[in-house]
């Protein structure tokens, strides 16, 4: 899918999500604390699929299908870039998932900790130490 086609798809999905969100009655609106309904195994997860189907479709179809499958970077390299970006932003919630995905894509624990150490000089020591906590938790170190 080319960029123009992806943009049209995203616009259509966002419009659909907006319409669906406006038509939900209070009893249909999911609480973040409620348990998600089971759904197909997709990267977006059942909670996102229930609450924001347009965002879930973008997550599954554009982010994990189109972006992650582009040939110019390997999955390993994309994982390293993503881990670095999330660590630099302090996004611990997403970091665990991406650390596991990085290991599955061929990164080693040593490479991940070296990247986070390197990042400390550019994104800040606090962000790096916070990311190392997520690394230790996720990789069992």
Protein backbone atom coordinates (compact mmCIF):
# COMPACT_ATOMS: atom_id res chain seq x y z
CA UNK A 1 0.00 0.00 0.00
CA UNK A 2 1.44 3.37 -0.95
CA UNK A 3 1.48 6.37 1.38
CA UNK A 4 -1.55 8.00 -0.23
CA UNK A 5 -3.55 4.80 0.11
CA UNK A 6 -2.44 4.43 3.73
CA UNK A 7 -3.49 8.01 4.47
CA UNK A 8 -6.92 7.44 2.92
CA UNK A 9 -7.33 4.24 4.90
CA UNK A 10 -6.34 6.00 8.14
CA UNK A 11 -8.78 8.85 7.47
CA UNK A 12 -11.60 6.41 6.76
CA UNK A 13 -10.82 4.39 9.89
CA UNK A 14 -10.67 7.50 12.05
CA UNK A 15 -13.99 8.69 10.68
CA UNK A 16 -15.51 5.28 11.44
CA UNK A 17 -14.08 5.28 14.97
CA UNK A 18 -15.40 8.79 15.58
CA UNK A 19 -18.88 7.81 14.41
CA UNK A 20 -18.84 4.64 16.51
CA UNK A 21 -17.66 6.54 19.60
CA UNK A 22 -20.49 9.04 19.23
CA UNK A 23 -23.13 6.30 19.03
CA UNK A 24 -22.10 4.42 22.18
CA UNK A 25 -24.57 4.62 25.03
CA UNK A 26 -23.08 5.02 28.53
CA UNK A 27 -23.83 1.36 29.29
CA UNK A 28 -21.81 0.34 26.18
CA UNK A 29 -18.78 2.45 27.02
CA UNK A 30 -15.99 0.32 28.38
CA UNK A 31 -14.26 1.26 31.58
CA UNK A 32 -10.47 0.92 31.58
CA UNK A 33 -10.91 -1.16 34.70
CA UNK A 34 -13.41 -3.58 33.19
CA UNK A 35 -12.12 -6.82 31.77
CA UNK A 36 -11.82 -6.77 27.98
CA UNK A 37 -13.93 -9.00 25.81
CA UNK A 38 -12.01 -11.82 24.17
CA UNK A 39 -11.09 -11.08 20.57
CA UNK A 40 -8.85 -12.36 17.85
CA UNK A 41 -5.14 -12.39 18.60
CA UNK A 42 -4.03 -9.09 17.08
CA UNK A 43 -1.33 -6.65 18.21
CA UNK A 44 -3.93 -4.08 19.26
CA UNK A 45 -5.40 -6.38 21.88
CA UNK A 46 -9.03 -6.94 22.82
CA UNK A 47 -9.39 -3.85 25.03
CA UNK A 48 -8.26 -1.46 22.28
CA UNK A 49 -10.44 -3.33 19.77
CA UNK A 50 -13.50 -2.83 21.97
CA UNK A 51 -12.90 0.78 23.04
CA UNK A 52 -11.34 2.23 19.89
CA UNK A 53 -11.83 -0.03 16.87
CA UNK A 54 -10.45 2.62 14.49
CA UNK A 55 -7.23 2.92 16.50
CA UNK A 56 -7.07 -0.88 16.74
CA UNK A 57 -7.33 -1.18 12.96
CA UNK A 58 -4.54 1.39 12.50
CA UNK A 59 -2.41 -0.44 15.05
CA UNK A 60 -2.90 -3.79 13.33
CA UNK A 61 -2.98 -2.79 9.66
CA UNK A 62 -0.72 0.26 9.39
CA UNK A 63 1.70 0.06 12.32
CA UNK A 64 2.30 -3.69 12.63
CA UNK A 65 1.46 -4.76 9.08
CA UNK A 66 2.73 -1.92 6.86
CA UNK A 67 5.39 -0.11 8.88
CA UNK A 68 7.01 -3.11 10.57
CA UNK A 69 7.18 -5.06 7.30
CA UNK A 70 8.97 -2.45 5.20
CA UNK A 71 12.15 -3.95 3.73
CA UNK A 72 14.67 -1.16 4.43
CA UNK A 73 15.12 -2.04 8.11
CA UNK A 74 15.14 -5.49 9.67
CA UNK A 75 12.75 -6.32 12.50
CA UNK A 76 15.78 -6.30 14.81
CA UNK A 77 16.75 -2.77 13.73
CA UNK A 78 13.16 -1.51 13.97
CA UNK A 79 12.95 -2.97 17.47
CA UNK A 80 16.15 -1.21 18.52
CA UNK A 81 14.90 2.13 17.18
CA UNK A 82 11.53 1.65 18.88
CA UNK A 83 13.09 0.69 22.22
CA UNK A 84 15.35 3.76 22.06
CA UNK A 85 12.45 6.08 21.22
CA UNK A 86 10.20 4.72 23.97
CA UNK A 87 13.02 4.85 26.52
CA UNK A 88 13.84 8.44 25.51
CA UNK A 89 10.20 9.42 26.00
CA UNK A 90 9.96 7.55 29.31
CA UNK A 91 7.13 5.35 28.03
CA UNK A 92 7.58 2.37 30.34
CA UNK A 93 4.09 1.05 29.64
CA UNK A 94 4.92 0.26 26.00
CA UNK A 95 8.58 -0.53 26.61
CA UNK A 96 8.02 -4.01 28.08
CA UNK A 97 6.12 -5.21 25.01
CA UNK A 98 8.77 -3.78 22.67
CA UNK A 99 11.62 -5.28 24.69
CA UNK A 100 10.07 -8.74 24.33
CA UNK A 101 9.51 -8.09 20.62
CA UNK A 102 13.15 -6.97 20.31
CA UNK A 103 14.41 -10.22 21.84
CA UNK A 104 12.12 -12.18 19.50
CA UNK A 105 13.54 -10.15 16.58
CA UNK A 106 17.15 -11.03 17.38
CA UNK A 107 18.36 -8.40 19.85
CA UNK A 108 20.34 -9.64 22.83
CA UNK A 109 19.94 -8.40 26.37
CA UNK A 110 23.49 -7.03 26.18
CA UNK A 111 22.67 -5.03 23.03
CA UNK A 112 19.53 -3.61 24.62
CA UNK A 113 21.30 -2.55 27.82
CA UNK A 114 24.15 -1.03 25.79
CA UNK A 115 21.66 0.96 23.72
CA UNK A 116 19.90 2.23 26.84
CA UNK A 117 23.24 3.13 28.41
CA UNK A 118 24.19 5.07 25.27
CA UNK A 119 20.79 6.74 25.33
CA UNK A 120 21.43 8.08 28.82
CA UNK A 121 23.86 10.62 27.40
CA UNK A 122 21.32 11.92 24.88
CA UNK A 123 17.91 11.54 26.54
CA UNK A 124 18.95 11.98 30.16
CA UNK A 125 20.24 9.80 32.94
CA UNK A 126 16.84 9.52 34.60
CA UNK A 127 15.20 8.21 31.43
CA UNK A 128 17.99 5.66 31.00
CA UNK A 129 17.77 4.40 34.59
CA UNK A 130 14.00 4.20 34.34
CA UNK A 131 14.34 2.21 31.10
CA UNK A 132 16.90 -0.09 32.75
CA UNK A 133 14.32 -0.88 35.42
CA UNK A 134 11.90 -1.91 32.65
CA UNK A 135 14.68 -3.97 31.01
CA UNK A 136 15.44 -5.74 34.29
CA UNK A 137 11.75 -6.41 34.92
CA UNK A 138 11.09 -7.66 31.39
CA UNK A 139 14.26 -9.68 30.86
CA UNK A 140 14.41 -11.00 34.41
CA UNK A 141 17.75 -9.45 35.33
